[in-house]
Amino acid sequence: MQQRAEHPHRVSTGPPRAATPPCPGVPVADIECVDEPDRTVVIRLSGPFDMETIHVINDALAAFVTYRTILDVSGIAFADSSFLNALLVARTRHHLILAGPVPDQLHRLLEVTGALTLFRCTPDVAAAHGIDPSEAITAWSA
């Protein structure tokens, strides 16, 4: 039985895994998950995502078994190959939609690696809600 959230879940990466506190002015990766009643989860991402912070996305994706997953990527400051790997794994388990606008650096990462065509991208979260879940790209439909 799937449990529905009564309120948004907010998870933050907090300080880096090392014992040192974050540097002033350096953004911290942050994530907010909203489990909606229509079998959709919206995961809003902000800040940099790399091998030190990607666990937050992986944990959120594992926690929400849903029909449609909307990743709001508009707030991503940086994404590396570990982020790309998380997206590729997610599309095998979720009906995944990337809601933008997709930041330039992330767009380049997806384009250069040839992964851009693997994902359904929309200009914003509202547009992603307008897509029928069966039209979301998954590994078995692409």
Foldseek 3Di string as FASTA:
>chain_A
DDDADPDKDWDFLAAFPDPDHDDPPADGWIWIWHCDPVQEIEIEIAHEDDPRHCVVVVVVLVNRQGAAYEYAQAHYPYYDVSNVVSVQVSLQRYLYEYEYPHDPRVVCVCVVVVNPVQFHYYPHPVVVVVDDSVPRHHPVVD
